[in-house]
Amino acid sequence: MLDLLTQLKANSQDSEARYDEDEANNKRNYEEMVASLESEYERLLSEEAVLREHIAKMTECVETEQAVYDEASAKFDRNTQLLEDSHNLCTSWEEQYQTETQNRNEELSTIADLRAIVSKRFNEMSSGVATRADQDQFDAYKNSYEYDAYKKYESAETTYDEKGAKGAGFVRDTSLED
């Protein structure tokens, strides 16, 4: 029995030594793991700062690009409205010109009719009056303004006319002209 107790004591001491060794290894592994994790945590914190700065710059860039896009959209809308207004104005001027031309032609026709009536009624006009009427032919009353819808506009950059912008690469949208 003493041998058994001695054996048990030796086994217990062996077990305790192995336990102490395992405990020391586990403690060392734990401390290494804590140091590694703290190092990784510090690295992640520094990367977080860099990423936050990058996100702030990207947010600023997105806001700037959005402002540029909004400004370009507003300019496009404004230019589209100007194009529509100028087309409407040209159409209005052309219609007004045609109406005024027709009215003037009617006036000239009425004057010619009156001259024919006067000439028929008063066949005895003096030669001076007849000569003066033949010379004048009411040229002073003709419309000296001729509207030309396709006059050229030239600037330092390029020439614009009924064929569109030469050399500027623009495709003329004729659907707006009808």
Protein backbone atom coordinates (compact mmCIF):
# COMPACT_ATOMS: atom_id res chain seq x y z
CA MET A 1 0.00 0.00 0.00
CA LEU A 2 2.85 2.33 0.60
CA ASP A 3 3.98 1.70 -2.92
CA LEU A 4 0.56 2.65 -4.11
CA LEU A 5 0.62 5.83 -2.12
CA THR A 6 4.09 6.64 -3.36
CA GLN A 7 2.95 5.94 -6.89
CA LEU A 8 -0.11 8.13 -6.37
CA LYS A 9 2.09 10.90 -4.96
CA ALA A 10 4.47 10.65 -7.94
CA ASN A 11 1.55 10.62 -10.37
CA SER A 12 -0.01 13.61 -8.61
CA GLN A 13 3.28 15.51 -8.71
CA ASP A 14 3.69 14.64 -12.40
CA SER A 15 0.15 15.75 -13.08
CA GLU A 16 0.69 18.97 -11.20
CA ALA A 17 3.95 19.65 -13.08
CA ARG A 18 2.23 19.00 -16.41
CA TYR A 19 -0.70 21.15 -15.30
CA ASP A 20 1.69 23.96 -14.31
CA GLU A 21 3.51 23.62 -17.65
CA ASP A 22 0.21 23.58 -19.59
CA GLU A 23 -1.00 26.54 -17.55
CA ALA A 24 2.21 28.47 -18.30
CA ASN A 25 1.94 27.62 -22.03
CA ASN A 26 -1.71 28.64 -22.10
CA LYS A 27 -0.91 31.88 -20.26
CA ARG A 28 1.96 32.64 -22.67
CA ASN A 29 -0.31 31.83 -25.68
CA TYR A 30 -3.03 34.03 -24.20
CA GLU A 31 -0.64 36.94 -23.68
CA GLU A 32 0.71 36.52 -27.24
CA MET A 33 -2.83 36.42 -28.59
CA VAL A 34 -3.79 39.57 -26.60
CA ALA A 35 -0.69 41.37 -27.89
CA SER A 36 -1.45 40.27 -31.45
CA LEU A 37 -5.10 41.33 -31.18
CA GLU A 38 -4.16 44.69 -29.66
CA SER A 39 -1.69 45.24 -32.49
CA GLU A 40 -4.35 44.31 -35.05
CA TYR A 41 -6.84 46.60 -33.28
CA GLU A 42 -4.40 49.53 -33.46
CA ARG A 43 -3.81 48.82 -37.16
CA LEU A 44 -7.57 48.72 -37.79
CA LEU A 45 -8.03 52.01 -35.94
CA SER A 46 -5.41 53.68 -38.13
CA GLU A 47 -7.04 52.22 -41.26
CA GLU A 48 -10.41 53.42 -40.00
CA ALA A 49 -9.05 56.98 -39.81
CA VAL A 50 -7.70 56.72 -43.36
CA LEU A 51 -10.99 55.26 -44.61
CA ARG A 52 -13.06 57.94 -42.85
CA GLU A 53 -10.88 60.62 -44.49
CA HIS A 54 -11.30 58.90 -47.87
CA ILE A 55 -15.08 58.66 -47.38
CA ALA A 56 -15.20 62.38 -46.52
CA LYS A 57 -13.24 63.23 -49.69
CA MET A 58 -15.46 60.98 -51.81
CA THR A 59 -18.59 62.54 -50.29
CA GLU A 60 -17.22 65.98 -51.14
CA CYS A 61 -16.44 64.78 -54.67
CA VAL A 62 -19.96 63.36 -55.10
CA GLU A 63 -21.47 66.64 -53.87
CA THR A 64 -19.28 68.62 -56.29
CA GLU A 65 -20.21 66.35 -59.19
CA GLN A 66 -23.89 66.61 -58.26
CA ALA A 67 -23.61 70.41 -58.25
CA VAL A 68 -21.95 70.32 -61.69
CA TYR A 69 -24.65 67.96 -62.98
CA ASP A 70 -27.42 70.14 -61.55
CA GLU A 71 -25.88 73.24 -63.12
CA ALA A 72 -25.51 71.48 -66.48
CA SER A 73 -29.12 70.25 -66.32
CA ALA A 74 -30.32 73.76 -65.53
CA LYS A 75 -28.26 75.16 -68.40
CA PHE A 76 -29.63 72.51 -70.77
CA ASP A 77 -33.21 73.34 -69.71
CA ARG A 78 -32.53 77.07 -70.07
CA ASN A 79 -30.98 76.62 -73.52
CA THR A 80 -33.83 74.36 -74.62
CA GLN A 81 -36.29 77.05 -73.53
CA LEU A 82 -34.27 79.72 -75.36
CA LEU A 83 -34.27 77.58 -78.51
CA GLU A 84 -38.03 77.09 -78.28
CA ASP A 85 -38.56 80.82 -77.64
CA SER A 86 -36.35 81.82 -80.56
CA HIS A 87 -38.12 79.33 -82.85
CA ASN A 88 -41.49 80.70 -81.76
CA LEU A 89 -40.26 84.27 -82.26
CA CYS A 90 -38.98 83.47 -85.77
CA THR A 91 -42.27 81.79 -86.61
CA SER A 92 -44.18 84.77 -85.27
CA TRP A 93 -42.05 87.21 -87.26
CA GLU A 94 -42.47 85.16 -90.43
CA GLU A 95 -46.24 85.04 -89.94
CA GLN A 96 -46.36 88.77 -89.22
CA TYR A 97 -44.21 89.48 -92.28
CA GLN A 98 -46.45 87.37 -94.50
CA THR A 99 -49.57 89.07 -93.10
CA GLU A 100 -48.10 92.55 -93.58
CA THR A 101 -46.94 91.65 -97.10
CA GLN A 102 -50.41 90.40 -97.96
CA ASN A 103 -51.98 93.56 -96.48
CA ARG A 104 -49.59 95.77 -98.44
CA ASN A 105 -50.28 93.82 -101.64
CA GLU A 106 -54.00 94.34 -101.02
CA GLU A 107 -53.38 98.06 -100.48
CA LEU A 108 -51.35 98.25 -103.70
CA SER A 109 -54.08 96.33 -105.53
CA THR A 110 -56.69 98.74 -104.18
CA ILE A 111 -54.56 101.71 -105.27
CA ALA A 112 -54.16 100.15 -108.73
CA ASP A 113 -57.94 99.63 -108.89
CA LEU A 114 -58.48 103.24 -107.83
CA ARG A 115 -56.03 104.44 -110.50
CA ALA A 116 -57.92 102.40 -113.10
CA ILE A 117 -61.24 103.88 -111.93
CA VAL A 118 -59.82 107.41 -111.87
CA SER A 119 -58.19 106.88 -115.26
CA LYS A 120 -61.48 105.57 -116.70
CA ARG A 121 -63.58 108.32 -115.14
CA PHE A 122 -61.22 111.18 -115.79
CA ASN A 123 -59.84 110.22 -119.14
CA GLU A 124 -58.87 113.76 -119.73
CA MET A 125 -55.90 113.97 -117.34
CA SER A 126 -53.21 116.46 -118.23
CA SER A 127 -50.05 115.03 -119.73
CA GLY A 128 -48.02 116.10 -116.66
CA VAL A 129 -50.21 114.14 -114.27
CA ALA A 130 -50.15 111.06 -116.47
CA THR A 131 -46.37 111.24 -116.83
CA ARG A 132 -45.90 111.70 -113.08
CA ALA A 133 -48.14 108.71 -112.34
CA ASP A 134 -46.27 106.55 -114.83
CA GLN A 135 -42.88 107.55 -113.40
CA ASP A 136 -43.78 107.03 -109.76
CA GLN A 137 -45.64 103.75 -110.04
CA PHE A 138 -45.88 104.02 -106.25
CA ASP A 139 -42.33 102.66 -105.82
CA ALA A 140 -41.93 104.70 -102.66
CA TYR A 141 -44.70 102.68 -101.09
CA LYS A 142 -43.23 99.28 -101.75
CA ASN A 143 -42.00 97.38 -98.76
CA SER A 144 -38.26 97.90 -98.60
CA TYR A 145 -37.85 95.42 -95.77
CA GLU A 146 -37.48 91.85 -96.91
CA TYR A 147 -37.47 89.27 -94.14
CA ASP A 148 -34.87 86.55 -94.61
CA ALA A 149 -35.29 83.71 -92.15
CA TYR A 150 -31.85 82.27 -92.90
CA LYS A 151 -29.43 85.15 -92.76
CA LYS A 152 -25.91 84.14 -91.85
CA TYR A 153 -24.51 84.84 -88.44
CA GLU A 154 -20.76 84.81 -88.20
CA SER A 155 -18.66 84.88 -85.06
CA ALA A 156 -14.99 84.38 -84.38
CA GLU A 157 -15.50 80.66 -83.78
CA THR A 158 -17.71 79.55 -86.68
CA THR A 159 -20.45 80.48 -89.14
CA TYR A 160 -24.12 79.71 -88.55
CA ASP A 161 -26.68 79.71 -91.33
CA GLU A 162 -29.60 77.60 -92.59
CA LYS A 163 -27.29 74.59 -92.82
CA GLY A 164 -26.43 74.69 -89.11
CA ALA A 165 -23.16 75.17 -87.28
CA LYS A 166 -20.30 74.47 -89.66
CA GLY A 167 -17.24 72.90 -88.13
CA ALA A 168 -18.84 72.60 -84.72
CA GLY A 169 -20.10 69.05 -85.17
CA PHE A 170 -23.70 69.84 -84.27
CA VAL A 171 -26.50 67.81 -85.80
CA ARG A 172 -29.35 70.07 -86.81
CA ASP A 173 -32.71 69.05 -85.36
CA THR A 174 -35.09 69.99 -88.15
CA SER A 175 -38.11 68.65 -86.24
CA LEU A 176 -38.11 71.93 -84.31
CA GLU A 177 -38.34 73.96 -87.53
CA ASP A 178 -41.66 72.70 -88.83
